[in-house]
Amino acid sequence: MEDYRLSFQFARVADSVTFNIAEGSGSSDAGFLNYLKIARDSSRECEEATTKAYLRNYITYKESENNWSLLVEINKMLSALMKHLKDKNT
């Protein structure tokens, strides 16, 4: 049961990343920036869920490393877009 709750939470926050990007893309730059911050926070929740899944032996070390690698890339992209929006408006 616990692994189901954790996988459900992971899916929920992973969806939150994409939904916030999509929703914010139709906003002003300032509004979009706020949505991107929420998306970045959600991706960090995915990092924590990955760590918990590994520590509880629900996923392998290789799977956790793959998740972490992908999440690092997502965070880099979000940070770069956030920086672009900030620089554009200064």
N, C-alpha and C. Protein backbone atom coordinates (compact mmCIF):
# COMPACT_ATOMS: atom_id res chain seq x y z
N MET A 1 0.82 -1.19 0.00
CA MET A 1 0.00 0.00 0.00
C MET A 1 0.87 1.26 0.00
N GLU A 2 1.93 1.26 0.79
CA GLU A 2 2.81 2.42 0.88
C GLU A 2 3.44 2.75 -0.47
N ASP A 3 3.89 1.72 -1.20
CA ASP A 3 4.51 1.98 -2.50
C ASP A 3 3.50 2.57 -3.48
N TYR A 4 2.23 2.19 -3.35
CA TYR A 4 1.20 2.77 -4.21
C TYR A 4 1.02 4.25 -3.90
N ARG A 5 0.99 4.61 -2.62
CA ARG A 5 0.83 6.02 -2.24
C ARG A 5 2.00 6.85 -2.74
N LEU A 6 3.20 6.30 -2.61
CA LEU A 6 4.38 7.03 -3.07
C LEU A 6 4.37 7.19 -4.59
N SER A 7 4.01 6.15 -5.30
CA SER A 7 3.97 6.26 -6.77
C SER A 7 2.86 7.21 -7.20
N PHE A 8 1.74 7.22 -6.49
CA PHE A 8 0.66 8.16 -6.80
C PHE A 8 1.12 9.59 -6.56
N GLN A 9 1.84 9.83 -5.45
CA GLN A 9 2.36 11.16 -5.14
C GLN A 9 3.36 11.60 -6.20
N PHE A 10 4.23 10.70 -6.62
CA PHE A 10 5.21 11.02 -7.65
C PHE A 10 4.50 11.43 -8.94
N ALA A 11 3.51 10.65 -9.34
CA ALA A 11 2.77 10.97 -10.57
C ALA A 11 2.06 12.31 -10.44
N ARG A 12 1.50 12.58 -9.28
CA ARG A 12 0.79 13.84 -9.05
C ARG A 12 1.72 15.04 -9.20
N VAL A 13 2.88 14.99 -8.56
CA VAL A 13 3.79 16.14 -8.64
C VAL A 13 4.46 16.23 -10.00
N ALA A 14 4.70 15.10 -10.66
CA ALA A 14 5.25 15.15 -12.01
C ALA A 14 4.25 15.81 -12.96
N ASP A 15 2.98 15.48 -12.81
CA ASP A 15 1.95 16.15 -13.61
C ASP A 15 1.89 17.64 -13.29
N SER A 16 2.09 17.98 -12.04
CA SER A 16 2.07 19.38 -11.62
C SER A 16 3.14 20.20 -12.35
N VAL A 17 4.28 19.60 -12.59
CA VAL A 17 5.34 20.30 -13.32
C VAL A 17 4.81 20.73 -14.69
N THR A 18 4.31 19.79 -15.44
CA THR A 18 3.86 20.10 -16.80
C THR A 18 2.62 20.98 -16.81
N PHE A 19 1.69 20.74 -15.89
CA PHE A 19 0.47 21.55 -15.86
C PHE A 19 0.78 23.01 -15.53
N ASN A 20 1.70 23.24 -14.61
CA ASN A 20 2.04 24.62 -14.26
C ASN A 20 2.75 25.33 -15.39
N ILE A 21 3.61 24.63 -16.11
CA ILE A 21 4.26 25.24 -17.27
C ILE A 21 3.22 25.59 -18.32
N ALA A 22 2.32 24.67 -18.59
CA ALA A 22 1.29 24.91 -19.60
C ALA A 22 0.37 26.06 -19.19
N GLU A 23 -0.07 26.04 -17.95
CA GLU A 23 -0.99 27.08 -17.49
C GLU A 23 -0.30 28.44 -17.49
N GLY A 24 0.94 28.49 -17.04
CA GLY A 24 1.64 29.76 -16.96
C GLY A 24 2.05 30.33 -18.30
N SER A 25 2.17 29.49 -19.31
CA SER A 25 2.64 29.96 -20.61
C SER A 25 1.70 30.97 -21.25
N GLY A 26 0.47 30.99 -20.84
CA GLY A 26 -0.49 31.96 -21.38
C GLY A 26 -0.57 33.24 -20.57
N SER A 27 0.28 33.36 -19.54
CA SER A 27 0.26 34.52 -18.66
C SER A 27 1.29 35.55 -19.09
N SER A 28 1.29 36.65 -18.38
CA SER A 28 2.36 37.64 -18.54
C SER A 28 3.67 37.00 -18.11
N ASP A 29 4.77 37.65 -18.40
CA ASP A 29 6.07 37.11 -17.99
C ASP A 29 6.13 36.94 -16.47
N ALA A 30 5.62 37.93 -15.73
CA ALA A 30 5.63 37.84 -14.26
C ALA A 30 4.76 36.67 -13.78
N GLY A 31 3.61 36.49 -14.40
CA GLY A 31 2.75 35.37 -14.05
C GLY A 31 3.38 34.04 -14.40
N PHE A 32 3.99 33.98 -15.58
CA PHE A 32 4.65 32.76 -16.02
C PHE A 32 5.78 32.40 -15.05
N LEU A 33 6.51 33.40 -14.60
CA LEU A 33 7.60 33.17 -13.66
C LEU A 33 7.08 32.51 -12.38
N ASN A 34 5.95 32.96 -11.90
CA ASN A 34 5.36 32.35 -10.70
C ASN A 34 4.99 30.89 -10.95
N TYR A 35 4.41 30.61 -12.10
CA TYR A 35 4.07 29.22 -12.42
C TYR A 35 5.32 28.36 -12.56
N LEU A 36 6.38 28.92 -13.12
CA LEU A 36 7.63 28.18 -13.25
C LEU A 36 8.23 27.87 -11.88
N LYS A 37 8.10 28.78 -10.94
CA LYS A 37 8.58 28.52 -9.58
C LYS A 37 7.82 27.35 -8.95
N ILE A 38 6.53 27.32 -9.18
CA ILE A 38 5.71 26.21 -8.66
C ILE A 38 6.13 24.90 -9.34
N ALA A 39 6.36 24.96 -10.65
CA ALA A 39 6.81 23.76 -11.38
C ALA A 39 8.15 23.27 -10.84
N ARG A 40 9.06 24.20 -10.55
CA ARG A 40 10.36 23.81 -10.01
C ARG A 40 10.21 23.18 -8.62
N ASP A 41 9.33 23.74 -7.81
CA ASP A 41 9.07 23.14 -6.49
C ASP A 41 8.53 21.73 -6.63
N SER A 42 7.65 21.53 -7.60
CA SER A 42 7.10 20.20 -7.83
C SER A 42 8.18 19.22 -8.28
N SER A 43 9.10 19.70 -9.12
CA SER A 43 10.17 18.79 -9.55
C SER A 43 11.05 18.42 -8.36
N ARG A 44 11.20 19.32 -7.41
CA ARG A 44 11.97 18.99 -6.21
C ARG A 44 11.22 17.96 -5.35
N GLU A 45 9.91 18.01 -5.37
CA GLU A 45 9.13 16.96 -4.69
C GLU A 45 9.39 15.61 -5.36
N CYS A 46 9.53 15.62 -6.68
CA CYS A 46 9.85 14.37 -7.40
C CYS A 46 11.20 13.83 -6.95
N GLU A 47 12.15 14.74 -6.72
CA GLU A 47 13.46 14.31 -6.23
C GLU A 47 13.32 13.59 -4.89
N GLU A 48 12.53 14.17 -4.01
CA GLU A 48 12.34 13.56 -2.68
C GLU A 48 11.61 12.22 -2.80
N ALA A 49 10.62 12.16 -3.66
CA ALA A 49 9.91 10.89 -3.85
C ALA A 49 10.85 9.82 -4.40
N THR A 50 11.74 10.21 -5.30
CA THR A 50 12.73 9.28 -5.84
C THR A 50 13.63 8.76 -4.73
N THR A 51 14.09 9.66 -3.88
CA THR A 51 14.96 9.26 -2.77
C THR A 51 14.23 8.29 -1.84
N LYS A 52 13.00 8.61 -1.49
CA LYS A 52 12.23 7.73 -0.61
C LYS A 52 12.01 6.37 -1.26
N ALA A 53 11.68 6.37 -2.55
CA ALA A 53 11.45 5.10 -3.24
C ALA A 53 12.71 4.23 -3.23
N TYR A 54 13.86 4.85 -3.44
CA TYR A 54 15.11 4.10 -3.41
C TYR A 54 15.40 3.58 -1.99
N LEU A 55 15.30 4.45 -1.00
CA LEU A 55 15.60 4.05 0.37
C LEU A 55 14.68 2.96 0.89
N ARG A 56 13.46 2.91 0.35
CA ARG A 56 12.50 1.88 0.75
C ARG A 56 12.57 0.65 -0.16
N ASN A 57 13.55 0.64 -1.05
CA ASN A 57 13.78 -0.49 -1.96
C ASN A 57 12.62 -0.73 -2.94
N TYR A 58 11.92 0.34 -3.30
CA TYR A 58 10.87 0.21 -4.31
C TYR A 58 11.45 0.32 -5.71
N ILE A 59 12.60 1.01 -5.84
CA ILE A 59 13.28 1.13 -7.12
C ILE A 59 14.76 0.82 -6.91
N THR A 60 15.43 0.49 -7.98
CA THR A 60 16.85 0.17 -7.91
C THR A 60 17.69 1.44 -7.89
N TYR A 61 18.96 1.26 -7.57
CA TYR A 61 19.89 2.39 -7.59
C TYR A 61 19.94 2.99 -8.99
N LYS A 62 19.99 2.13 -10.00
CA LYS A 62 20.05 2.60 -11.40
C LYS A 62 18.81 3.42 -11.75
N GLU A 63 17.66 2.96 -11.33
CA GLU A 63 16.42 3.70 -11.59
C GLU A 63 16.43 5.06 -10.88
N SER A 64 16.91 5.06 -9.64
CA SER A 64 16.95 6.33 -8.90
C SER A 64 17.93 7.30 -9.55
N GLU A 65 19.08 6.80 -10.00
CA GLU A 65 20.06 7.65 -10.67
C GLU A 65 19.49 8.21 -11.97
N ASN A 66 18.77 7.39 -12.70
CA ASN A 66 18.14 7.85 -13.94
C ASN A 66 17.12 8.95 -13.64
N ASN A 67 16.28 8.73 -12.64
CA ASN A 67 15.29 9.76 -12.25
C ASN A 67 16.00 11.05 -11.87
N TRP A 68 17.03 10.93 -11.03
CA TRP A 68 17.76 12.12 -10.58
C TRP A 68 18.37 12.86 -11.77
N SER A 69 18.94 12.14 -12.69
CA SER A 69 19.55 12.76 -13.87
C SER A 69 18.51 13.54 -14.67
N LEU A 70 17.37 12.93 -14.89
CA LEU A 70 16.30 13.61 -15.64
C LEU A 70 15.78 14.83 -14.88
N LEU A 71 15.64 14.69 -13.57
CA LEU A 71 15.15 15.82 -12.77
C LEU A 71 16.14 16.96 -12.73
N VAL A 72 17.42 16.66 -12.71
CA VAL A 72 18.45 17.71 -12.77
C VAL A 72 18.31 18.48 -14.09
N GLU A 73 18.11 17.76 -15.18
CA GLU A 73 17.94 18.42 -16.48
C GLU A 73 16.69 19.29 -16.50
N ILE A 74 15.60 18.78 -15.95
CA ILE A 74 14.36 19.57 -15.89
C ILE A 74 14.59 20.84 -15.09
N ASN A 75 15.26 20.72 -13.94
CA ASN A 75 15.51 21.89 -13.12
C ASN A 75 16.42 22.89 -13.82
N LYS A 76 17.39 22.41 -14.57
CA LYS A 76 18.26 23.31 -15.34
C LYS A 76 17.44 24.08 -16.38
N MET A 77 16.56 23.37 -17.07
CA MET A 77 15.74 24.02 -18.08
C MET A 77 14.80 25.06 -17.45
N LEU A 78 14.18 24.68 -16.34
CA LEU A 78 13.30 25.63 -15.66
C LEU A 78 14.07 26.85 -15.18
N SER A 79 15.23 26.64 -14.60
CA SER A 79 16.04 27.75 -14.11
C SER A 79 16.48 28.66 -15.25
N ALA A 80 16.86 28.07 -16.38
CA ALA A 80 17.28 28.88 -17.53
C ALA A 80 16.12 29.71 -18.06
N LEU A 81 14.94 29.12 -18.13
CA LEU A 81 13.78 29.87 -18.60
C LEU A 81 13.41 30.98 -17.62
N MET A 82 13.49 30.68 -16.34
CA MET A 82 13.22 31.69 -15.32
C MET A 82 14.22 32.84 -15.42
N LYS A 83 15.48 32.53 -15.61
CA LYS A 83 16.51 33.57 -15.75
C LYS A 83 16.24 34.41 -16.99
N HIS A 84 15.88 33.76 -18.08
CA HIS A 84 15.57 34.49 -19.32
C HIS A 84 14.42 35.48 -19.10
N LEU A 85 13.38 35.04 -18.43
CA LEU A 85 12.24 35.92 -18.19
C LEU A 85 12.62 37.09 -17.29
N LYS A 86 13.43 36.81 -16.26
CA LYS A 86 13.87 37.88 -15.36
C LYS A 86 14.75 38.89 -16.11
N ASP A 87 15.71 38.37 -16.89
CA ASP A 87 16.62 39.26 -17.62
C ASP A 87 15.88 40.08 -18.69
N LYS A 88 14.89 39.48 -19.28
CA LYS A 88 14.11 40.14 -20.32
C LYS A 88 13.38 41.36 -19.77
N ASN A 89 13.02 41.30 -18.52
CA ASN A 89 12.22 42.37 -17.91
C ASN A 89 13.02 43.29 -16.99
N THR A 90 14.35 43.26 -17.10
CA THR A 90 15.13 44.18 -16.27
C THR A 90 15.79 45.25 -17.09
